[in-house]
């Protein structure tokens, strides 16, 4: 393959990739997150990806890539596919589900919204259940 064909195919590949990223940028949001559970603080990133209009996949991980929680959520159900052993408690999962419902479900339509599309465009979203569970999302 000569050099001009290589450059041409490389440019085409970059354009296709850039178009794909541009067209799907609204479907994925990554924000800073902090969870305080029974006095233990976990901080890292939380990523949300819209799978279909009423289901969003999420992952909570630290900056080194260690995954704390992964799963999917819709307005009526939270499905955990992977959870770290030190967080595998019913109270944690239930409070996480309530936090998502409080912060990320539109009260008018009942549909799940990504944090960047929240109606008030707030920079910090907080759900607190006493002193035992706090979920903070920073956009």
Protein backbone atom coordinates (compact mmCIF):
# COMPACT_ATOMS: atom_id res chain seq x y z
CA UNK A 1 0.00 0.00 0.00
CA UNK A 2 1.47 3.34 -0.95
CA UNK A 3 1.79 6.28 1.38
CA UNK A 4 -1.14 8.35 0.02
CA UNK A 5 -3.59 5.46 0.50
CA UNK A 6 -2.36 4.98 4.06
CA UNK A 7 -2.84 8.66 4.86
CA UNK A 8 -6.26 8.68 3.16
CA UNK A 9 -7.50 5.60 5.05
CA UNK A 10 -6.15 7.03 8.33
CA UNK A 11 -8.02 10.30 7.78
CA UNK A 12 -11.24 8.47 6.92
CA UNK A 13 -10.92 6.36 10.09
CA UNK A 14 -10.38 9.47 12.21
CA UNK A 15 -13.39 11.21 10.69
CA UNK A 16 -15.61 8.19 11.30
CA UNK A 17 -14.40 7.93 14.89
CA UNK A 18 -14.86 11.67 15.51
CA UNK A 19 -18.37 11.55 14.06
CA UNK A 20 -19.26 8.60 16.26
CA UNK A 21 -17.94 10.34 19.37
CA UNK A 22 -19.73 13.59 18.51
CA UNK A 23 -23.04 11.86 17.85
CA UNK A 24 -22.98 9.89 21.09
CA UNK A 25 -21.51 12.48 23.46
CA UNK A 26 -24.87 13.22 25.10
CA UNK A 27 -25.47 9.56 25.99
CA UNK A 28 -22.59 9.29 28.47
CA UNK A 29 -21.76 11.42 31.50
CA UNK A 30 -18.83 11.05 33.88
CA UNK A 31 -18.80 13.02 37.11
CA UNK A 32 -16.89 13.07 40.37
CA UNK A 33 -18.63 11.14 43.10
CA UNK A 34 -18.30 10.59 46.82
CA UNK A 35 -20.12 8.00 48.91
CA UNK A 36 -20.00 7.96 52.69
CA UNK A 37 -21.27 4.66 54.11
CA UNK A 38 -21.16 4.12 57.90
CA UNK A 39 -18.35 6.64 58.30
CA UNK A 40 -16.19 5.25 55.49
CA UNK A 41 -15.62 7.65 52.60
CA UNK A 42 -15.14 6.48 49.01
CA UNK A 43 -14.35 8.97 46.29
CA UNK A 44 -13.85 8.52 42.60
CA UNK A 45 -15.78 8.80 39.36
CA UNK A 46 -19.28 7.73 38.48
CA UNK A 47 -20.15 7.13 34.86
CA UNK A 48 -23.70 6.98 33.52
CA UNK A 49 -24.54 5.72 30.03
CA UNK A 50 -28.03 5.87 28.54
CA UNK A 51 -28.83 2.41 27.14
CA UNK A 52 -32.42 3.14 26.16
CA UNK A 53 -34.90 5.88 27.14
CA UNK A 54 -35.70 4.38 30.54
CA UNK A 55 -32.51 2.43 31.44
CA UNK A 56 -29.10 3.79 32.37
CA UNK A 57 -25.99 1.76 33.09
CA UNK A 58 -23.66 3.10 35.76
CA UNK A 59 -20.23 2.40 37.18
CA UNK A 60 -18.59 3.83 40.30
CA UNK A 61 -14.81 3.49 40.26
CA UNK A 62 -11.74 5.20 41.69
CA UNK A 63 -9.08 7.07 39.73
CA UNK A 64 -6.91 3.94 39.53
CA UNK A 65 -9.68 2.01 37.79
CA UNK A 66 -10.83 -0.19 40.68
CA UNK A 67 -14.57 -0.72 40.30
CA UNK A 68 -16.71 -0.32 43.42
CA UNK A 69 -20.18 -0.84 41.92
CA UNK A 70 -21.49 -1.54 38.41
CA UNK A 71 -25.03 -2.10 37.24
CA UNK A 72 -28.08 -0.64 35.57
CA UNK A 73 -30.92 1.45 36.88
CA UNK A 74 -34.35 2.46 35.67
CA UNK A 75 -37.02 4.43 37.54
CA UNK A 76 -38.41 1.28 39.20
CA UNK A 77 -35.43 -1.06 39.64
CA UNK A 78 -31.71 -1.19 40.41
CA UNK A 79 -29.73 -4.16 39.06
CA UNK A 80 -26.21 -4.65 40.46
CA UNK A 81 -23.90 -6.69 38.20
CA UNK A 82 -20.68 -6.19 40.16
CA UNK A 83 -20.03 -4.91 43.68
CA UNK A 84 -16.94 -4.80 45.87
CA UNK A 85 -17.17 -7.20 48.85
CA UNK A 86 -16.81 -4.41 51.43
CA UNK A 87 -19.94 -2.70 50.01
CA UNK A 88 -22.07 -5.81 49.53
CA UNK A 89 -24.75 -4.96 52.09
CA UNK A 90 -28.51 -4.68 51.57
CA UNK A 91 -28.55 -1.27 53.26
CA UNK A 92 -25.90 0.08 50.87
CA UNK A 93 -27.74 -1.15 47.76
CA UNK A 94 -31.09 0.15 49.03
CA UNK A 95 -29.66 3.58 49.88
CA UNK A 96 -27.88 3.78 46.53
CA UNK A 97 -31.17 3.02 44.78
CA UNK A 98 -32.98 5.70 46.82
CA UNK A 99 -30.21 8.17 46.07
CA UNK A 100 -30.49 7.56 42.33
CA UNK A 101 -34.28 7.92 42.53
CA UNK A 102 -33.99 11.19 44.45
CA UNK A 103 -31.26 12.75 42.33
CA UNK A 104 -31.72 11.35 38.84
CA UNK A 105 -35.41 10.63 38.25
CA UNK A 106 -37.50 13.45 36.82
CA UNK A 107 -40.47 13.93 39.15
CA UNK A 108 -42.78 15.13 36.35
CA UNK A 109 -42.23 12.38 33.79
CA UNK A 110 -40.87 9.59 35.99
CA UNK A 111 -38.01 8.97 33.55
CA UNK A 112 -34.33 8.66 34.42
CA UNK A 113 -32.22 11.66 33.45
CA UNK A 114 -28.47 11.90 33.18
CA UNK A 115 -26.84 14.30 35.66
CA UNK A 116 -25.79 16.79 32.95
CA UNK A 117 -29.41 17.05 31.76
CA UNK A 118 -30.88 17.87 35.17
CA UNK A 119 -33.49 20.65 34.96
CA UNK A 120 -31.79 22.96 37.46
CA UNK A 121 -28.27 22.34 36.01
CA UNK A 122 -26.87 22.15 39.53
CA UNK A 123 -23.15 21.55 39.91
CA UNK A 124 -23.49 19.48 43.09
CA UNK A 125 -26.17 16.87 43.77
CA UNK A 126 -26.47 15.44 47.29
CA UNK A 127 -28.60 12.65 48.75
CA UNK A 128 -28.29 12.07 52.49
CA UNK A 129 -29.92 9.44 54.69
CA UNK A 130 -28.99 10.42 58.25
CA UNK A 131 -25.29 10.02 59.00
CA UNK A 132 -25.13 6.48 57.62
CA UNK A 133 -25.29 7.14 53.86
CA UNK A 134 -24.37 10.20 51.78
CA UNK A 135 -24.13 10.27 47.97
CA UNK A 136 -22.59 13.35 46.34
CA UNK A 137 -22.23 13.89 42.59
CA UNK A 138 -20.11 16.79 41.33
CA UNK A 139 -20.59 17.77 37.69
